[in-house]
Amino acid sequence: MTDPSAERAASPLTLRSSENGQAAIGNFWAEVGGRQTFERLVRAFYAGVASDPPLLALYPETDLEPAIQRLTGFLEQYWGGPTTYSEQRGHPRLRMRHAPFAVTPDMRNRWLTHMRAAVDSLELAPLQEAMLWGYLERAAHAMVNRSA
């Protein structure tokens, strides 16, 4: 039996590991189409945000392009693409970066509604869709920082 830490070190990408230390190996970013897919996802998501005044009010910039680039870069990096996000912005620290904004359960649900539509628009294979959606849903729940 191989040592799980040695296996992780030798793999090209470890997105996460299971309780027994087995690495999840593969490059999801490449498998789903790389930057083009993640940019389609994020642009579809922000088209929904732009049509949702309460959610849009959380964004301090009137031009959503910087937010589009940040989220695209973050998701690309998380899923095995270029590390440009961390090179430009440092560690993601998602909860800290979202702390100034009132992320309520209602805002989370609005975010998830638009992200669900964006994920559906990609028409990914079922397992890929489930992996991506599972992460996005967990992340959205973790960002809630106000009760109302």
C-alpha atoms as a PDB file:
ATOM      1  CA  MET A   1       0.000   0.000   0.000  1.00  0.00           C
ATOM      2  CA  THR A   2       1.346   3.438  -0.889  1.00  0.00           C
ATOM      3  CA  ASP A   3       1.693   6.296   1.517  1.00  0.00           C
ATOM      4  CA  PRO A   4      -1.200   8.764   0.827  1.00  0.00           C
ATOM      5  CA  SER A   5       1.013  11.814   1.380  1.00  0.00           C
ATOM      6  CA  ALA A   6       3.518  10.530  -1.192  1.00  0.00           C
ATOM      7  CA  GLU A   7       0.671   9.916  -3.626  1.00  0.00           C
ATOM      8  CA  ARG A   8      -0.580  13.499  -3.162  1.00  0.00           C
ATOM      9  CA  ALA A   9       2.882  14.934  -3.710  1.00  0.00           C
ATOM     10  CA  ALA A  10       3.299  12.975  -6.941  1.00  0.00           C
ATOM     11  CA  SER A  11      -0.093  13.854  -8.439  1.00  0.00           C
ATOM     12  CA  PRO A  12      -0.472  16.787 -10.811  1.00  0.00           C
ATOM     13  CA  LEU A  13      -3.378  18.139  -8.781  1.00  0.00           C
ATOM     14  CA  THR A  14      -5.067  17.328  -5.509  1.00  0.00           C
ATOM     15  CA  LEU A  15      -8.389  19.098  -5.245  1.00  0.00           C
ATOM     16  CA  ARG A  16      -9.213  17.474  -1.943  1.00  0.00           C
ATOM     17  CA  SER A  17      -8.604  14.251  -0.125  1.00  0.00           C
ATOM     18  CA  SER A  18     -10.947  11.806   1.546  1.00  0.00           C
ATOM     19  CA  GLU A  19     -10.994  10.920   5.231  1.00  0.00           C
ATOM     20  CA  ASN A  20      -8.523   8.092   4.602  1.00  0.00           C
ATOM     21  CA  GLY A  21      -6.121  10.467   2.832  1.00  0.00           C
ATOM     22  CA  GLN A  22      -6.717   9.262  -0.714  1.00  0.00           C
ATOM     23  CA  ALA A  23      -6.166  12.059  -3.200  1.00  0.00           C
ATOM     24  CA  ALA A  24      -8.799  13.162  -5.683  1.00  0.00           C
ATOM     25  CA  ILE A  25      -6.593  13.219  -8.750  1.00  0.00           C
ATOM     26  CA  GLY A  26      -7.332  14.884 -12.048  1.00  0.00           C
ATOM     27  CA  ASN A  27      -7.623  18.258 -13.547  1.00  0.00           C
ATOM     28  CA  PHE A  28     -11.268  19.260 -13.463  1.00  0.00           C
ATOM     29  CA  TRP A  29     -10.441  22.638 -15.008  1.00  0.00           C
ATOM     30  CA  ALA A  30      -8.990  20.981 -18.119  1.00  0.00           C
ATOM     31  CA  GLU A  31     -11.634  18.250 -18.249  1.00  0.00           C
ATOM     32  CA  VAL A  32     -14.493  20.751 -18.469  1.00  0.00           C
ATOM     33  CA  GLY A  33     -12.862  23.008 -21.055  1.00  0.00           C
ATOM     34  CA  GLY A  34     -10.515  25.319 -19.150  1.00  0.00           C
ATOM     35  CA  ARG A  35     -10.852  29.091 -19.015  1.00  0.00           C
ATOM     36  CA  GLN A  36     -13.510  29.233 -21.712  1.00  0.00           C
ATOM     37  CA  THR A  37     -15.903  27.138 -19.611  1.00  0.00           C
ATOM     38  CA  PHE A  38     -15.266  29.029 -16.392  1.00  0.00           C
ATOM     39  CA  GLU A  39     -15.635  32.372 -18.124  1.00  0.00           C
ATOM     40  CA  ARG A  40     -18.957  31.236 -19.642  1.00  0.00           C
ATOM     41  CA  LEU A  41     -20.093  30.138 -16.176  1.00  0.00           C
ATOM     42  CA  VAL A  42     -19.155  33.402 -14.497  1.00  0.00           C
ATOM     43  CA  ARG A  43     -20.516  35.651 -17.261  1.00  0.00           C
ATOM     44  CA  ALA A  44     -23.843  33.785 -17.202  1.00  0.00           C
ATOM     45  CA  PHE A  45     -23.916  34.126 -13.419  1.00  0.00           C
ATOM     46  CA  TYR A  46     -23.229  37.869 -13.493  1.00  0.00           C
ATOM     47  CA  ALA A  47     -25.897  38.386 -16.171  1.00  0.00           C
ATOM     48  CA  GLY A  48     -28.303  37.052 -13.535  1.00  0.00           C
ATOM     49  CA  VAL A  49     -26.799  39.254 -10.824  1.00  0.00           C
ATOM     50  CA  ALA A  50     -27.208  42.319 -13.055  1.00  0.00           C
ATOM     51  CA  SER A  51     -30.942  41.562 -13.299  1.00  0.00           C
ATOM     52  CA  ASP A  52     -31.378  41.197  -9.507  1.00  0.00           C
ATOM     53  CA  PRO A  53     -31.344  44.668  -7.869  1.00  0.00           C
ATOM     54  CA  PRO A  54     -31.066  43.491  -4.219  1.00  0.00           C
ATOM     55  CA  LEU A  55     -28.126  41.212  -5.033  1.00  0.00           C
ATOM     56  CA  LEU A  56     -26.540  43.725  -7.401  1.00  0.00           C
ATOM     57  CA  ALA A  57     -26.566  46.283  -4.562  1.00  0.00           C
ATOM     58  CA  LEU A  58     -23.942  44.168  -2.748  1.00  0.00           C
ATOM     59  CA  TYR A  59     -21.433  44.867  -5.511  1.00  0.00           C
ATOM     60  CA  PRO A  60     -19.598  48.150  -4.924  1.00  0.00           C
ATOM     61  CA  GLU A  61     -18.500  48.547  -8.555  1.00  0.00           C
ATOM     62  CA  THR A  62     -20.985  49.672 -11.193  1.00  0.00           C
ATOM     63  CA  ASP A  63     -18.896  47.827 -13.779  1.00  0.00           C
ATOM     64  CA  LEU A  64     -19.083  44.106 -12.990  1.00  0.00           C
ATOM     65  CA  GLU A  65     -16.088  43.215 -15.178  1.00  0.00           C
ATOM     66  CA  PRO A  66     -13.565  43.294 -12.299  1.00  0.00           C
ATOM     67  CA  ALA A  67     -15.832  40.983 -10.276  1.00  0.00           C
ATOM     68  CA  ILE A  68     -16.175  38.696 -13.307  1.00  0.00           C
ATOM     69  CA  GLN A  69     -12.404  38.469 -13.644  1.00  0.00           C
ATOM     70  CA  ARG A  70     -11.871  37.837  -9.912  1.00  0.00           C
ATOM     71  CA  LEU A  71     -14.457  35.042  -9.706  1.00  0.00           C
ATOM     72  CA  THR A  72     -13.259  33.458 -12.951  1.00  0.00           C
ATOM     73  CA  GLY A  73      -9.665  33.494 -11.698  1.00  0.00           C
ATOM     74  CA  PHE A  74     -10.615  32.105  -8.305  1.00  0.00           C
ATOM     75  CA  LEU A  75     -12.674  29.253  -9.745  1.00  0.00           C
ATOM     76  CA  GLU A  76     -10.035  28.450 -12.342  1.00  0.00           C
ATOM     77  CA  GLN A  77      -7.380  28.182  -9.655  1.00  0.00           C
ATOM     78  CA  TYR A  78      -9.559  26.152  -7.305  1.00  0.00           C
ATOM     79  CA  TRP A  79     -10.350  23.622 -10.017  1.00  0.00           C
ATOM     80  CA  GLY A  80      -6.780  23.178 -11.261  1.00  0.00           C
ATOM     81  CA  GLY A  81      -6.182  26.023 -13.690  1.00  0.00           C
ATOM     82  CA  PRO A  82      -3.655  28.859 -13.577  1.00  0.00           C
ATOM     83  CA  THR A  83      -2.698  30.291 -10.177  1.00  0.00           C
ATOM     84  CA  THR A  84      -3.086  33.865 -11.400  1.00  0.00           C
ATOM     85  CA  TYR A  85      -5.688  34.649  -8.722  1.00  0.00           C
ATOM     86  CA  SER A  86      -3.291  34.022  -5.822  1.00  0.00           C
ATOM     87  CA  GLU A  87      -0.375  35.589  -7.656  1.00  0.00           C
ATOM     88  CA  GLN A  88      -2.360  38.824  -8.046  1.00  0.00           C
ATOM     89  CA  ARG A  89      -4.507  38.822  -4.897  1.00  0.00           C
ATOM     90  CA  GLY A  90      -2.858  36.510  -2.386  1.00  0.00           C
ATOM     91  CA  HIS A  91      -4.683  33.796  -0.472  1.00  0.00           C
ATOM     92  CA  PRO A  92      -8.414  33.750  -1.335  1.00  0.00           C
ATOM     93  CA  ARG A  93      -9.615  34.213   2.296  1.00  0.00           C
ATOM     94  CA  LEU A  94     -13.206  34.122   1.077  1.00  0.00           C
ATOM     95  CA  ARG A  95     -14.946  34.779   4.390  1.00  0.00           C
ATOM     96  CA  MET A  96     -12.662  37.719   5.162  1.00  0.00           C
ATOM     97  CA  ARG A  97     -13.139  39.234   1.703  1.00  0.00           C
ATOM     98  CA  HIS A  98     -16.927  38.935   2.030  1.00  0.00           C
ATOM     99  CA  ALA A  99     -17.121  40.214   5.634  1.00  0.00           C
ATOM    100  CA  PRO A 100     -17.878  43.847   4.676  1.00  0.00           C
ATOM    101  CA  PHE A 101     -20.986  42.746   2.767  1.00  0.00           C
ATOM    102  CA  ALA A 102     -24.299  41.683   4.318  1.00  0.00           C
ATOM    103  CA  VAL A 103     -24.473  38.120   3.047  1.00  0.00           C
ATOM    104  CA  THR A 104     -27.827  37.036   4.445  1.00  0.00           C
ATOM    105  CA  PRO A 105     -29.664  33.791   3.766  1.00  0.00           C
ATOM    106  CA  ASP A 106     -31.785  35.714   1.221  1.00  0.00           C
ATOM    107  CA  MET A 107     -28.680  37.015  -0.588  1.00  0.00           C
ATOM    108  CA  ARG A 108     -27.186  33.491  -0.520  1.00  0.00           C
ATOM    109  CA  ASN A 109     -30.372  32.099  -2.057  1.00  0.00           C
ATOM    110  CA  ARG A 110     -30.369  34.782  -4.754  1.00  0.00           C
ATOM    111  CA  TRP A 111     -26.703  34.014  -5.469  1.00  0.00           C
ATOM    112  CA  LEU A 112     -27.470  30.294  -5.691  1.00  0.00           C
ATOM    113  CA  THR A 113     -30.433  30.901  -8.032  1.00  0.00           C
ATOM    114  CA  HIS A 114     -28.250  32.734 -10.548  1.00  0.00           C
ATOM    115  CA  MET A 115     -25.344  30.332 -10.129  1.00  0.00           C
ATOM    116  CA  ARG A 116     -27.664  27.339 -10.614  1.00  0.00           C
ATOM    117  CA  ALA A 117     -28.847  28.805 -13.931  1.00  0.00           C
ATOM    118  CA  ALA A 118     -25.238  29.467 -14.951  1.00  0.00           C
ATOM    119  CA  VAL A 119     -24.135  25.919 -14.104  1.00  0.00           C
ATOM    120  CA  ASP A 120     -27.098  24.502 -16.018  1.00  0.00           C
ATOM    121  CA  SER A 121     -26.146  26.585 -19.057  1.00  0.00           C
ATOM    122  CA  LEU A 122     -22.805  24.730 -19.290  1.00  0.00           C
ATOM    123  CA  GLU A 123     -24.462  21.363 -19.939  1.00  0.00           C
ATOM    124  CA  LEU A 124     -21.661  19.474 -18.177  1.00  0.00           C
ATOM    125  CA  ALA A 125     -21.565  15.727 -17.749  1.00  0.00           C
ATOM    126  CA  PRO A 126     -23.626  14.730 -14.671  1.00  0.00           C
ATOM    127  CA  LEU A 127     -20.641  13.919 -12.438  1.00  0.00           C
ATOM    128  CA  GLN A 128     -18.849  17.149 -13.392  1.00  0.00           C
ATOM    129  CA  GLU A 129     -22.018  19.154 -12.800  1.00  0.00           C
ATOM    130  CA  ALA A 130     -22.519  17.512  -9.399  1.00  0.00           C
ATOM    131  CA  MET A 131     -18.927  18.203  -8.350  1.00  0.00           C
ATOM    132  CA  LEU A 132     -19.078  21.845  -9.409  1.00  0.00           C
ATOM    133  CA  TRP A 133     -22.518  22.488  -7.945  1.00  0.00           C
ATOM    134  CA  GLY A 134     -21.653  20.748  -4.682  1.00  0.00           C
ATOM    135  CA  TYR A 135     -18.695  23.043  -4.166  1.00  0.00           C
ATOM    136  CA  LEU A 136     -20.605  26.204  -5.142  1.00  0.00           C
ATOM    137  CA  GLU A 137     -23.489  25.358  -2.840  1.00  0.00           C
ATOM    138  CA  ARG A 138     -21.187  24.661   0.136  1.00  0.00           C
ATOM    139  CA  ALA A 139     -19.239  27.858  -0.545  1.00  0.00           C
ATOM    140  CA  ALA A 140     -22.420  29.941  -0.714  1.00  0.00           C
ATOM    141  CA  HIS A 141     -23.623  28.591   2.627  1.00  0.00           C
ATOM    142  CA  ALA A 142     -20.219  29.306   4.192  1.00  0.00           C
ATOM    143  CA  MET A 143     -20.328  32.964   3.094  1.00  0.00           C
ATOM    144  CA  VAL A 144     -23.469  33.817   5.097  1.00  0.00           C
ATOM    145  CA  ASN A 145     -22.387  36.324   7.721  1.00  0.00           C
ATOM    146  CA  ARG A 146     -25.634  38.001   8.807  1.00  0.00           C
ATOM    147  CA  SER A 147     -28.975  36.529   9.836  1.00  0.00           C
ATOM    148  CA  ALA A 148     -31.078  39.166   8.096  1.00  0.00           C
END
